PDB file of N, CA and C in Angstrom:
ATOM      1  N   MET A   1       0.820  -1.194   0.000  1.00  0.00           N
ATOM      2  CA  MET A   1       0.000   0.000   0.000  1.00  0.00           C
ATOM      3  C   MET A   1       0.865   1.260   0.000  1.00  0.00           C
ATOM      4  N   MET A   2       1.914   1.269   0.785  1.00  0.00           N
ATOM      5  CA  MET A   2       2.785   2.429   0.860  1.00  0.00           C
ATOM      6  C   MET A   2       3.464   2.698  -0.481  1.00  0.00           C
ATOM      7  N   ALA A   3       3.841   1.653  -1.189  1.00  0.00           N
ATOM      8  CA  ALA A   3       4.493   1.828  -2.487  1.00  0.00           C
ATOM      9  C   ALA A   3       3.559   2.475  -3.490  1.00  0.00           C
ATOM     10  N   VAL A   4       2.296   2.123  -3.434  1.00  0.00           N
ATOM     11  CA  VAL A   4       1.319   2.717  -4.343  1.00  0.00           C
ATOM     12  C   VAL A   4       1.164   4.197  -4.047  1.00  0.00           C
ATOM     13  N   ILE A   5       1.049   4.537  -2.789  1.00  0.00           N
ATOM     14  CA  ILE A   5       0.902   5.948  -2.406  1.00  0.00           C
ATOM     15  C   ILE A   5       2.173   6.715  -2.753  1.00  0.00           C
ATOM     16  N   ALA A   6       3.322   6.150  -2.435  1.00  0.00           N
ATOM     17  CA  ALA A   6       4.580   6.827  -2.743  1.00  0.00           C
ATOM     18  C   ALA A   6       4.745   7.010  -4.244  1.00  0.00           C
ATOM     19  N   GLY A   7       4.331   6.020  -5.018  1.00  0.00           N
ATOM     20  CA  GLY A   7       4.428   6.129  -6.468  1.00  0.00           C
ATOM     21  C   GLY A   7       3.489   7.159  -7.049  1.00  0.00           C
ATOM     22  N   ALA A   8       2.380   7.425  -6.367  1.00  0.00           N
ATOM     23  CA  ALA A   8       1.399   8.384  -6.860  1.00  0.00           C
ATOM     24  C   ALA A   8       1.795   9.821  -6.566  1.00  0.00           C
ATOM     25  N   ALA A   9       2.613  10.037  -5.563  1.00  0.00           N
ATOM     26  CA  ALA A   9       2.956  11.395  -5.148  1.00  0.00           C
ATOM     27  C   ALA A   9       3.585  12.228  -6.259  1.00  0.00           C
ATOM     28  N   PRO A  10       4.566  11.709  -7.021  1.00  0.00           N
ATOM     29  CA  PRO A  10       5.144  12.542  -8.076  1.00  0.00           C
ATOM     30  C   PRO A  10       4.119  12.966  -9.128  1.00  0.00           C
ATOM     31  N   GLN A  11       3.185  12.098  -9.477  1.00  0.00           N
ATOM     32  CA  GLN A  11       2.157  12.461 -10.449  1.00  0.00           C
ATOM     33  C   GLN A  11       1.306  13.608  -9.915  1.00  0.00           C
ATOM     34  N   ALA A  12       0.928  13.557  -8.645  1.00  0.00           N
ATOM     35  CA  ALA A  12       0.136  14.634  -8.053  1.00  0.00           C
ATOM     36  C   ALA A  12       0.921  15.939  -8.068  1.00  0.00           C
ATOM     37  N   ALA A  13       2.223  15.856  -7.805  1.00  0.00           N
ATOM     38  CA  ALA A  13       3.048  17.064  -7.819  1.00  0.00           C
ATOM     39  C   ALA A  13       3.107  17.657  -9.220  1.00  0.00           C
ATOM     40  N   LEU A  14       3.164  16.802 -10.237  1.00  0.00           N
ATOM     41  CA  LEU A  14       3.196  17.292 -11.615  1.00  0.00           C
ATOM     42  C   LEU A  14       1.900  17.997 -11.991  1.00  0.00           C
ATOM     43  N   ALA A  15       0.806  17.593 -11.364  1.00  0.00           N
ATOM     44  CA  ALA A  15      -0.486  18.181 -11.691  1.00  0.00           C
ATOM     45  C   ALA A  15      -0.662  19.570 -11.079  1.00  0.00           C
ATOM     46  N   GLN A  16       0.176  19.934 -10.129  1.00  0.00           N
ATOM     47  CA  GLN A  16       0.063  21.240  -9.492  1.00  0.00           C
ATOM     48  C   GLN A  16       0.528  22.329 -10.455  1.00  0.00           C
ATOM     49  N   PRO A  17      -0.220  23.416 -10.553  1.00  0.00           N
ATOM     50  CA  PRO A  17       0.205  24.485 -11.457  1.00  0.00           C
ATOM     51  C   PRO A  17       1.476  25.173 -10.960  1.00  0.00           C
ATOM     52  N   ASP A  18       2.275  25.594 -11.879  1.00  0.00           N
ATOM     53  CA  ASP A  18       3.505  26.329 -11.613  1.00  0.00           C
ATOM     54  C   ASP A  18       3.234  27.781 -11.997  1.00  0.00           C
ATOM     55  N   LEU A  19       2.925  28.609 -10.994  1.00  0.00           N
ATOM     56  CA  LEU A  19       2.560  30.000 -11.270  1.00  0.00           C
ATOM     57  C   LEU A  19       3.715  30.792 -11.876  1.00  0.00           C
ATOM     58  N   ALA A  20       4.938  30.473 -11.492  1.00  0.00           N
ATOM     59  CA  ALA A  20       6.086  31.175 -12.083  1.00  0.00           C
ATOM     60  C   ALA A  20       6.166  30.881 -13.580  1.00  0.00           C
ATOM     61  N   ASN A  21       5.950  29.637 -13.951  1.00  0.00           N
ATOM     62  CA  ASN A  21       5.932  29.298 -15.376  1.00  0.00           C
ATOM     63  C   ASN A  21       4.728  29.946 -16.054  1.00  0.00           C
ATOM     64  N   GLY A  22       3.585  29.957 -15.381  1.00  0.00           N
ATOM     65  CA  GLY A  22       2.401  30.606 -15.939  1.00  0.00           C
ATOM     66  C   GLY A  22       2.646  32.077 -16.226  1.00  0.00           C
ATOM     67  N   LYS A  23       3.336  32.743 -15.315  1.00  0.00           N
ATOM     68  CA  LYS A  23       3.667  34.163 -15.518  1.00  0.00           C
ATOM     69  C   LYS A  23       4.625  34.317 -16.694  1.00  0.00           C
ATOM     70  N   ARG A  24       5.577  33.381 -16.815  1.00  0.00           N
ATOM     71  CA  ARG A  24       6.518  33.423 -17.941  1.00  0.00           C
ATOM     72  C   ARG A  24       5.773  33.253 -19.263  1.00  0.00           C
ATOM     73  N   VAL A  25       4.862  32.288 -19.314  1.00  0.00           N
ATOM     74  CA  VAL A  25       4.063  32.062 -20.522  1.00  0.00           C
ATOM     75  C   VAL A  25       3.227  33.306 -20.822  1.00  0.00           C
ATOM     76  N   PHE A  26       2.713  33.950 -19.773  1.00  0.00           N
ATOM     77  CA  PHE A  26       1.872  35.137 -19.932  1.00  0.00           C
ATOM     78  C   PHE A  26       2.625  36.311 -20.564  1.00  0.00           C
ATOM     79  N   THR A  27       3.948  36.321 -20.499  1.00  0.00           N
ATOM     80  CA  THR A  27       4.675  37.445 -21.105  1.00  0.00           C
ATOM     81  C   THR A  27       4.336  37.588 -22.584  1.00  0.00           C
ATOM     82  N   THR A  28       4.077  36.478 -23.266  1.00  0.00           N
ATOM     83  CA  THR A  28       3.647  36.547 -24.666  1.00  0.00           C
ATOM     84  C   THR A  28       2.296  37.248 -24.762  1.00  0.00           C
ATOM     85  N   CYS A  29       1.396  36.952 -23.843  1.00  0.00           N
ATOM     86  CA  CYS A  29       0.058  37.555 -23.821  1.00  0.00           C
ATOM     87  C   CYS A  29       0.141  39.052 -23.510  1.00  0.00           C
ATOM     88  N   SER A  30       1.131  39.416 -22.684  1.00  0.00           N
ATOM     89  CA  SER A  30       1.210  40.783 -22.175  1.00  0.00           C
ATOM     90  C   SER A  30       1.436  41.825 -23.261  1.00  0.00           C
ATOM     91  N   TYR A  31       1.977  41.425 -24.398  1.00  0.00           N
ATOM     92  CA  TYR A  31       2.189  42.397 -25.469  1.00  0.00           C
ATOM     93  C   TYR A  31       0.874  43.026 -25.915  1.00  0.00           C
ATOM     94  N   CYS A  32      -0.184  42.255 -25.909  1.00  0.00           N
ATOM     95  CA  CYS A  32      -1.495  42.767 -26.326  1.00  0.00           C
ATOM     96  C   CYS A  32      -2.446  43.016 -25.157  1.00  0.00           C
ATOM     97  N   HIS A  33      -2.239  42.306 -24.052  1.00  0.00           N
ATOM     98  CA  HIS A  33      -3.179  42.372 -22.928  1.00  0.00           C
ATOM     99  C   HIS A  33      -2.634  43.123 -21.723  1.00  0.00           C
ATOM    100  N   GLY A  34      -1.414  43.666 -21.803  1.00  0.00           N
ATOM    101  CA  GLY A  34      -0.821  44.418 -20.706  1.00  0.00           C
ATOM    102  C   GLY A  34      -0.042  43.529 -19.755  1.00  0.00           C
ATOM    103  N   ALA A  35       0.984  44.115 -19.146  1.00  0.00           N
ATOM    104  CA  ALA A  35       1.890  43.367 -18.274  1.00  0.00           C
ATOM    105  C   ALA A  35       1.180  42.716 -17.101  1.00  0.00           C
ATOM    106  N   ASN A  36       0.122  43.353 -16.622  1.00  0.00           N
ATOM    107  CA  ASN A  36      -0.626  42.820 -15.486  1.00  0.00           C
ATOM    108  C   ASN A  36      -2.047  42.441 -15.877  1.00  0.00           C
ATOM    109  N   GLY A  37      -2.268  42.264 -17.166  1.00  0.00           N
ATOM    110  CA  GLY A  37      -3.592  41.888 -17.639  1.00  0.00           C
ATOM    111  C   GLY A  37      -4.585  43.026 -17.650  1.00  0.00           C
ATOM    112  N   GLU A  38      -4.093  44.267 -17.598  1.00  0.00           N
ATOM    113  CA  GLU A  38      -4.982  45.426 -17.527  1.00  0.00           C
ATOM    114  C   GLU A  38      -5.520  45.852 -18.887  1.00  0.00           C
ATOM    115  N   GLY A  39      -5.076  45.207 -19.945  1.00  0.00           N
ATOM    116  CA  GLY A  39      -5.465  45.603 -21.296  1.00  0.00           C
ATOM    117  C   GLY A  39      -4.421  46.555 -21.839  1.00  0.00           C
ATOM    118  N   ALA A  40      -4.184  46.497 -23.130  1.00  0.00           N
ATOM    119  CA  ALA A  40      -3.159  47.353 -23.724  1.00  0.00           C
ATOM    120  C   ALA A  40      -3.619  47.924 -25.056  1.00  0.00           C
ATOM    121  N   GLY A  41      -4.915  48.055 -25.242  1.00  0.00           N
ATOM    122  CA  GLY A  41      -5.446  48.612 -26.473  1.00  0.00           C
ATOM    123  C   GLY A  41      -5.664  47.583 -27.558  1.00  0.00           C
ATOM    124  N   VAL A  42      -4.689  46.716 -27.769  1.00  0.00           N
ATOM    125  CA  VAL A  42      -4.809  45.691 -28.807  1.00  0.00           C
ATOM    126  C   VAL A  42      -5.716  44.565 -28.325  1.00  0.00           C
ATOM    127  N   GLY A  43      -5.500  44.123 -27.090  1.00  0.00           N
ATOM    128  CA  GLY A  43      -6.299  43.043 -26.509  1.00  0.00           C
ATOM    129  C   GLY A  43      -7.063  43.538 -25.296  1.00  0.00           C
ATOM    130  N   PRO A  44      -8.158  42.871 -24.961  1.00  0.00           N
ATOM    131  CA  PRO A  44      -8.951  43.294 -23.806  1.00  0.00           C
ATOM    132  C   PRO A  44      -8.238  42.988 -22.495  1.00  0.00           C
ATOM    133  N   PRO A  45      -8.688  43.609 -21.419  1.00  0.00           N
ATOM    134  CA  PRO A  45      -8.103  43.304 -20.116  1.00  0.00           C
ATOM    135  C   PRO A  45      -8.384  41.857 -19.721  1.00  0.00           C
ATOM    136  N   LEU A  46      -7.426  41.250 -19.057  1.00  0.00           N
ATOM    137  CA  LEU A  46      -7.582  39.868 -18.610  1.00  0.00           C
ATOM    138  C   LEU A  46      -7.721  39.760 -17.095  1.00  0.00           C
ATOM    139  N   LYS A  47      -7.656  40.889 -16.394  1.00  0.00           N
ATOM    140  CA  LYS A  47      -7.913  40.848 -14.953  1.00  0.00           C
ATOM    141  C   LYS A  47      -9.348  40.391 -14.747  1.00  0.00           C
ATOM    142  N   GLY A  48      -9.525  39.362 -13.947  1.00  0.00           N
ATOM    143  CA  GLY A  48     -10.860  38.846 -13.673  1.00  0.00           C
ATOM    144  C   GLY A  48     -11.478  38.078 -14.818  1.00  0.00           C
ATOM    145  N   VAL A  49     -10.679  37.645 -15.781  1.00  0.00           N
ATOM    146  CA  VAL A  49     -11.229  36.966 -16.961  1.00  0.00           C
ATOM    147  C   VAL A  49     -11.848  35.616 -16.610  1.00  0.00           C
ATOM    148  N   VAL A  50     -11.268  34.894 -15.655  1.00  0.00           N
ATOM    149  CA  VAL A  50     -11.796  33.570 -15.311  1.00  0.00           C
ATOM    150  C   VAL A  50     -13.170  33.746 -14.659  1.00  0.00           C
ATOM    151  N   GLY A  51     -14.180  33.175 -15.298  1.00  0.00           N
ATOM    152  CA  GLY A  51     -15.557  33.304 -14.834  1.00  0.00           C
ATOM    153  C   GLY A  51     -16.350  34.401 -15.527  1.00  0.00           C
ATOM    154  N   ARG A  52     -15.668  35.259 -16.283  1.00  0.00           N
ATOM    155  CA  ARG A  52     -16.330  36.371 -16.970  1.00  0.00           C
ATOM    156  C   ARG A  52     -16.884  35.904 -18.312  1.00  0.00           C
ATOM    157  N   LYS A  53     -17.942  36.540 -18.763  1.00  0.00           N
ATOM    158  CA  LYS A  53     -18.486  36.272 -20.094  1.00  0.00           C
ATOM    159  C   LYS A  53     -17.571  36.917 -21.131  1.00  0.00           C
ATOM    160  N   ALA A  54     -17.369  36.227 -22.233  1.00  0.00           N
ATOM    161  CA  ALA A  54     -16.561  36.774 -23.324  1.00  0.00           C
ATOM    162  C   ALA A  54     -17.240  38.018 -23.878  1.00  0.00           C
ATOM    163  N   GLY A  55     -16.428  38.996 -24.216  1.00  0.00           N
ATOM    164  CA  GLY A  55     -16.961  40.223 -24.796  1.00  0.00           C
ATOM    165  C   GLY A  55     -17.593  41.155 -23.788  1.00  0.00           C
ATOM    166  N   ALA A  56     -17.333  40.947 -22.492  1.00  0.00           N
ATOM    167  CA  ALA A  56     -18.036  41.710 -21.463  1.00  0.00           C
ATOM    168  C   ALA A  56     -17.213  42.802 -20.786  1.00  0.00           C
ATOM    169  N   ALA A  57     -15.910  42.838 -20.999  1.00  0.00           N
ATOM    170  CA  ALA A  57     -15.112  43.892 -20.368  1.00  0.00           C
ATOM    171  C   ALA A  57     -15.484  45.225 -21.015  1.00  0.00           C
ATOM    172  N   PRO A  58     -15.714  46.245 -20.211  1.00  0.00           N
ATOM    173  CA  PRO A  58     -16.146  47.529 -20.770  1.00  0.00           C
ATOM    174  C   PRO A  58     -15.059  48.200 -21.616  1.00  0.00           C
ATOM    175  N   ASP A  59     -15.512  49.011 -22.537  1.00  0.00           N
ATOM    176  CA  ASP A  59     -14.635  49.870 -23.337  1.00  0.00           C
ATOM    177  C   ASP A  59     -13.630  49.122 -24.208  1.00  0.00           C
ATOM    178  N   PHE A  60     -14.002  47.932 -24.679  1.00  0.00           N
ATOM    179  CA  PHE A  60     -13.142  47.235 -25.628  1.00  0.00           C
ATOM    180  C   PHE A  60     -13.982  46.814 -26.823  1.00  0.00           C
ATOM    181  N   PRO A  61     -13.509  47.092 -28.042  1.00  0.00           N
ATOM    182  CA  PRO A  61     -14.276  46.748 -29.250  1.00  0.00           C
ATOM    183  C   PRO A  61     -14.103  45.274 -29.656  1.00  0.00           C
ATOM    184  N   TYR A  62     -14.841  44.411 -29.014  1.00  0.00           N
ATOM    185  CA  TYR A  62     -14.761  42.972 -29.285  1.00  0.00           C
ATOM    186  C   TYR A  62     -15.298  42.634 -30.674  1.00  0.00           C
ATOM    187  N   SER A  63     -14.842  41.508 -31.196  1.00  0.00           N
ATOM    188  CA  SER A  63     -15.394  40.976 -32.440  1.00  0.00           C
ATOM    189  C   SER A  63     -16.820  40.498 -32.164  1.00  0.00           C
ATOM    190  N   GLU A  64     -17.615  40.415 -33.212  1.00  0.00           N
ATOM    191  CA  GLU A  64     -18.982  39.891 -33.065  1.00  0.00           C
ATOM    192  C   GLU A  64     -18.957  38.475 -32.505  1.00  0.00           C
ATOM    193  N   ALA A  65     -17.962  37.697 -32.924  1.00  0.00           N
ATOM    194  CA  ALA A  65     -17.844  36.313 -32.445  1.00  0.00           C
ATOM    195  C   ALA A  65     -17.719  36.266 -30.929  1.00  0.00           C
ATOM    196  N   MET A  66     -16.975  37.189 -30.359  1.00  0.00           N
ATOM    197  CA  MET A  66     -16.813  37.218 -28.899  1.00  0.00           C
ATOM    198  C   MET A  66     -18.050  37.787 -28.212  1.00  0.00           C
ATOM    199  N   LYS A  67     -18.638  38.808 -28.815  1.00  0.00           N
ATOM    200  CA  LYS A  67     -19.809  39.437 -28.182  1.00  0.00           C
ATOM    201  C   LYS A  67     -21.038  38.544 -28.201  1.00  0.00           C
ATOM    202  N   THR A  68     -21.179  37.741 -29.230  1.00  0.00           N
ATOM    203  CA  THR A  68     -22.425  36.982 -29.392  1.00  0.00           C
ATOM    204  C   THR A  68     -22.261  35.473 -29.235  1.00  0.00           C
ATOM    205  N   GLY A  69     -21.060  35.029 -28.880  1.00  0.00           N
ATOM    206  CA  GLY A  69     -20.786  33.592 -28.811  1.00  0.00           C
ATOM    207  C   GLY A  69     -21.331  32.870 -27.598  1.00  0.00           C
ATOM    208  N   GLY A  70     -21.791  33.603 -26.586  1.00  0.00           N
ATOM    209  CA  GLY A  70     -22.320  32.960 -25.387  1.00  0.00           C
ATOM    210  C   GLY A  70     -21.267  32.232 -24.569  1.00  0.00           C
ATOM    211  N   ILE A  71     -20.037  32.685 -24.651  1.00  0.00           N
ATOM    212  CA  ILE A  71     -18.922  32.022 -23.971  1.00  0.00           C
ATOM    213  C   ILE A  71     -18.739  32.602 -22.576  1.00  0.00           C
ATOM    214  N   THR A  72     -18.525  31.736 -21.609  1.00  0.00           N
ATOM    215  CA  THR A  72     -18.068  32.130 -20.280  1.00  0.00           C
ATOM    216  C   THR A  72     -16.690  31.518 -20.105  1.00  0.00           C
ATOM    217  N   TRP A  73     -15.748  32.324 -19.662  1.00  0.00           N
ATOM    218  CA  TRP A  73     -14.356  31.883 -19.574  1.00  0.00           C
ATOM    219  C   TRP A  73     -14.100  31.038 -18.327  1.00  0.00           C
ATOM    220  N   THR A  74     -14.555  29.811 -18.373  1.00  0.00           N
ATOM    221  CA  THR A  74     -14.204  28.832 -17.349  1.00  0.00           C
ATOM    222  C   THR A  74     -12.789  28.337 -17.652  1.00  0.00           C
ATOM    223  N   PRO A  75     -12.116  27.702 -16.701  1.00  0.00           N
ATOM    224  CA  PRO A  75     -10.789  27.156 -17.014  1.00  0.00           C
ATOM    225  C   PRO A  75     -10.816  26.197 -18.210  1.00  0.00           C
ATOM    226  N   GLU A  76     -11.848  25.387 -18.309  1.00  0.00           N
ATOM    227  CA  GLU A  76     -11.954  24.446 -19.425  1.00  0.00           C
ATOM    228  C   GLU A  76     -12.143  25.172 -20.754  1.00  0.00           C
ATOM    229  N   ARG A  77     -12.931  26.218 -20.738  1.00  0.00           N
ATOM    230  CA  ARG A  77     -13.188  27.001 -21.958  1.00  0.00           C
ATOM    231  C   ARG A  77     -11.936  27.752 -22.374  1.00  0.00           C
ATOM    232  N   LEU A  78     -11.220  28.306 -21.381  1.00  0.00           N
ATOM    233  CA  LEU A  78      -9.953  28.974 -21.671  1.00  0.00           C
ATOM    234  C   LEU A  78      -8.944  27.999 -22.267  1.00  0.00           C
ATOM    235  N   GLU A  79      -8.919  26.787 -21.748  1.00  0.00           N
ATOM    236  CA  GLU A  79      -7.993  25.779 -22.269  1.00  0.00           C
ATOM    237  C   GLU A  79      -8.247  25.518 -23.751  1.00  0.00           C
ATOM    238  N   ALA A  80      -9.496  25.332 -24.118  1.00  0.00           N
ATOM    239  CA  ALA A  80      -9.837  25.080 -25.525  1.00  0.00           C
ATOM    240  C   ALA A  80      -9.471  26.278 -26.399  1.00  0.00           C
ATOM    241  N   PHE A  81      -9.788  27.472 -25.929  1.00  0.00           N
ATOM    242  CA  PHE A  81      -9.525  28.679 -26.708  1.00  0.00           C
ATOM    243  C   PHE A  81      -8.030  28.955 -26.841  1.00  0.00           C
ATOM    244  N   LEU A  82      -7.311  28.899 -25.723  1.00  0.00           N
ATOM    245  CA  LEU A  82      -5.890  29.237 -25.762  1.00  0.00           C
ATOM    246  C   LEU A  82      -5.054  28.209 -26.514  1.00  0.00           C
ATOM    247  N   ALA A  83      -5.549  26.998 -26.639  1.00  0.00           N
ATOM    248  CA  ALA A  83      -4.829  25.983 -27.410  1.00  0.00           C
ATOM    249  C   ALA A  83      -4.913  26.274 -28.911  1.00  0.00           C
ATOM    250  N   HIS A  84      -6.076  26.742 -29.380  1.00  0.00           N
ATOM    251  CA  HIS A  84      -6.298  26.998 -30.818  1.00  0.00           C
ATOM    252  C   HIS A  84      -7.316  28.132 -30.976  1.00  0.00           C
ATOM    253  N   PRO A  85      -6.923  29.382 -30.696  1.00  0.00           N
ATOM    254  CA  PRO A  85      -7.894  30.482 -30.683  1.00  0.00           C
ATOM    255  C   PRO A  85      -8.724  30.633 -31.953  1.00  0.00           C
ATOM    256  N   MET A  86      -8.078  30.663 -33.099  1.00  0.00           N
ATOM    257  CA  MET A  86      -8.804  30.947 -34.338  1.00  0.00           C
ATOM    258  C   MET A  86      -9.670  29.784 -34.794  1.00  0.00           C
ATOM    259  N   GLN A  87      -9.328  28.583 -34.385  1.00  0.00           N
ATOM    260  CA  GLN A  87     -10.174  27.426 -34.695  1.00  0.00           C
ATOM    261  C   GLN A  87     -11.329  27.323 -33.712  1.00  0.00           C
ATOM    262  N   ASP A  88     -11.065  27.691 -32.462  1.00  0.00           N
ATOM    263  CA  ASP A  88     -12.071  27.542 -31.417  1.00  0.00           C
ATOM    264  C   ASP A  88     -13.188  28.572 -31.544  1.00  0.00           C
ATOM    265  N   VAL A  89     -12.830  29.813 -31.811  1.00  0.00           N
ATOM    266  CA  VAL A  89     -13.827  30.879 -31.972  1.00  0.00           C
ATOM    267  C   VAL A  89     -13.628  31.487 -33.355  1.00  0.00           C
ATOM    268  N   LYS A  90     -14.407  31.006 -34.303  1.00  0.00           N
ATOM    269  CA  LYS A  90     -14.334  31.531 -35.670  1.00  0.00           C
ATOM    270  C   LYS A  90     -14.713  33.010 -35.640  1.00  0.00           C
ATOM    271  N   GLY A  91     -13.851  33.839 -36.194  1.00  0.00           N
ATOM    272  CA  GLY A  91     -14.119  35.269 -36.221  1.00  0.00           C
ATOM    273  C   GLY A  91     -13.411  36.042 -35.122  1.00  0.00           C
ATOM    274  N   THR A  92     -12.661  35.353 -34.254  1.00  0.00           N
ATOM    275  CA  THR A  92     -11.901  36.089 -33.243  1.00  0.00           C
ATOM    276  C   THR A  92     -10.822  36.909 -33.937  1.00  0.00           C
ATOM    277  N   ARG A  93     -10.478  38.027 -33.336  1.00  0.00           N
ATOM    278  CA  ARG A  93      -9.391  38.842 -33.881  1.00  0.00           C
ATOM    279  C   ARG A  93      -8.068  38.539 -33.187  1.00  0.00           C
ATOM    280  N   MET A  94      -8.077  37.564 -32.290  1.00  0.00           N
ATOM    281  CA  MET A  94      -6.847  37.210 -31.592  1.00  0.00           C
ATOM    282  C   MET A  94      -5.963  36.392 -32.534  1.00  0.00           C
ATOM    283  N   ALA A  95      -5.007  37.078 -33.136  1.00  0.00           N
ATOM    284  CA  ALA A  95      -4.104  36.447 -34.108  1.00  0.00           C
ATOM    285  C   ALA A  95      -2.917  35.833 -33.375  1.00  0.00           C
ATOM    286  N   PHE A  96      -3.179  34.763 -32.690  1.00  0.00           N
ATOM    287  CA  PHE A  96      -2.176  34.053 -31.897  1.00  0.00           C
ATOM    288  C   PHE A  96      -2.338  32.574 -32.203  1.00  0.00           C
ATOM    289  N   PRO A  97      -1.249  31.863 -32.489  1.00  0.00           N
ATOM    290  CA  PRO A  97      -1.390  30.460 -32.888  1.00  0.00           C
ATOM    291  C   PRO A  97      -1.842  29.523 -31.779  1.00  0.00           C
ATOM    292  N   GLY A  98      -1.651  29.907 -30.541  1.00  0.00           N
ATOM    293  CA  GLY A  98      -2.073  29.064 -29.426  1.00  0.00           C
ATOM    294  C   GLY A  98      -0.907  28.597 -28.582  1.00  0.00           C
ATOM    295  N   VAL A  99      -1.225  28.118 -27.397  1.00  0.00           N
ATOM    296  CA  VAL A  99      -0.238  27.566 -26.472  1.00  0.00           C
ATOM    297  C   VAL A  99      -0.182  26.069 -26.753  1.00  0.00           C
ATOM    298  N   SER A 100       0.967  25.591 -27.178  1.00  0.00           N
ATOM    299  CA  SER A 100       1.042  24.204 -27.647  1.00  0.00           C
ATOM    300  C   SER A 100       1.335  23.180 -26.554  1.00  0.00           C
ATOM    301  N   ARG A 101       2.038  23.565 -25.511  1.00  0.00           N
ATOM    302  CA  ARG A 101       2.398  22.602 -24.467  1.00  0.00           C
ATOM    303  C   ARG A 101       1.318  22.549 -23.390  1.00  0.00           C
ATOM    304  N   PRO A 102       0.765  21.372 -23.111  1.00  0.00           N
ATOM    305  CA  PRO A 102      -0.291  21.245 -22.101  1.00  0.00           C
ATOM    306  C   PRO A 102       0.100  21.809 -20.735  1.00  0.00           C
ATOM    307  N   LYS A 103       1.338  21.617 -20.306  1.00  0.00           N
ATOM    308  CA  LYS A 103       1.790  22.139 -19.006  1.00  0.00           C
ATOM    309  C   LYS A 103       1.765  23.661 -19.018  1.00  0.00           C
ATOM    310  N   ASP A 104       2.241  24.275 -20.096  1.00  0.00           N
ATOM    311  CA  ASP A 104       2.207  25.736 -20.206  1.00  0.00           C
ATOM    312  C   ASP A 104       0.772  26.243 -20.201  1.00  0.00           C
ATOM    313  N   LEU A 105      -0.097  25.543 -20.869  1.00  0.00           N
ATOM    314  CA  LEU A 105      -1.510  25.910 -20.922  1.00  0.00           C
ATOM    315  C   LEU A 105      -2.122  25.884 -19.523  1.00  0.00           C
ATOM    316  N   ALA A 106      -1.893  24.806 -18.792  1.00  0.00           N
ATOM    317  CA  ALA A 106      -2.417  24.695 -17.424  1.00  0.00           C
ATOM    318  C   ALA A 106      -1.831  25.780 -16.528  1.00  0.00           C
ATOM    319  N   ASP A 107      -0.550  26.051 -16.679  1.00  0.00           N
ATOM    320  CA  ASP A 107       0.108  27.044 -15.831  1.00  0.00           C
ATOM    321  C   ASP A 107      -0.364  28.459 -16.135  1.00  0.00           C
ATOM    322  N   VAL A 108      -0.548  28.795 -17.409  1.00  0.00           N
ATOM    323  CA  VAL A 108      -0.994  30.153 -17.731  1.00  0.00           C
ATOM    324  C   VAL A 108      -2.440  30.364 -17.285  1.00  0.00           C
ATOM    325  N   ILE A 109      -3.264  29.347 -17.351  1.00  0.00           N
ATOM    326  CA  ILE A 109      -4.642  29.470 -16.858  1.00  0.00           C
ATOM    327  C   ILE A 109      -4.635  29.653 -15.344  1.00  0.00           C
ATOM    328  N   ALA A 110      -3.780  28.920 -14.646  1.00  0.00           N
ATOM    329  CA  ALA A 110      -3.649  29.105 -13.195  1.00  0.00           C
ATOM    330  C   ALA A 110      -3.191  30.529 -12.892  1.00  0.00           C
ATOM    331  N   TYR A 111      -2.276  31.052 -13.694  1.00  0.00           N
ATOM    332  CA  TYR A 111      -1.809  32.426 -13.509  1.00  0.00           C
ATOM    333  C   TYR A 111      -2.937  33.424 -13.778  1.00  0.00           C
ATOM    334  N   LEU A 112      -3.718  33.198 -14.819  1.00  0.00           N
ATOM    335  CA  LEU A 112      -4.844  34.095 -15.115  1.00  0.00           C
ATOM    336  C   LEU A 112      -5.814  34.172 -13.936  1.00  0.00           C
ATOM    337  N   LYS A 113      -5.978  33.079 -13.214  1.00  0.00           N
ATOM    338  CA  LYS A 113      -6.865  33.073 -12.038  1.00  0.00           C
ATOM    339  C   LYS A 113      -6.388  34.037 -10.964  1.00  0.00           C
ATOM    340  N   THR A 114      -5.089  34.350 -10.946  1.00  0.00           N
ATOM    341  CA  THR A 114      -4.555  35.253  -9.919  1.00  0.00           C
ATOM    342  C   THR A 114      -4.748  36.721 -10.280  1.00  0.00           C
ATOM    343  N   LEU A 115      -5.071  37.004 -11.527  1.00  0.00           N
ATOM    344  CA  LEU A 115      -5.229  38.399 -11.971  1.00  0.00           C
ATOM    345  C   LEU A 115      -6.607  38.897 -11.574  1.00  0.00           C
ATOM    346  N   LYS A 116      -6.644  39.729 -10.588  1.00  0.00           N
ATOM    347  CA  LYS A 116      -7.919  40.252 -10.074  1.00  0.00           C
ATOM    348  C   LYS A 116      -7.950  41.758 -10.172  1.00  0.00           C
TER     349      LYS A 116
END
């Protein structure tokens, strides 16, 4: 029994988000969304994005796809979008190819949760 538990511990540790890596991954996002997710004119603010409806941040000219898509940015929804933005939301203006590494994707979403 102890061997099974001991063997499971490293897997659980791998599943924990690495916020430092998430912040590093976010530096790519920051060019359009601001260093702290406050928005930078090109992209909407990302502070408080987790749980927010897409197209809902005030004073940003969202695409029709974002305004009318009925999307709520849950972690699962963010994962799908950030992996393949232009395929996931047809008509998005986010010209970004996506986050390709699953660990980076999980870490950047964990980091986005800290932006309040």
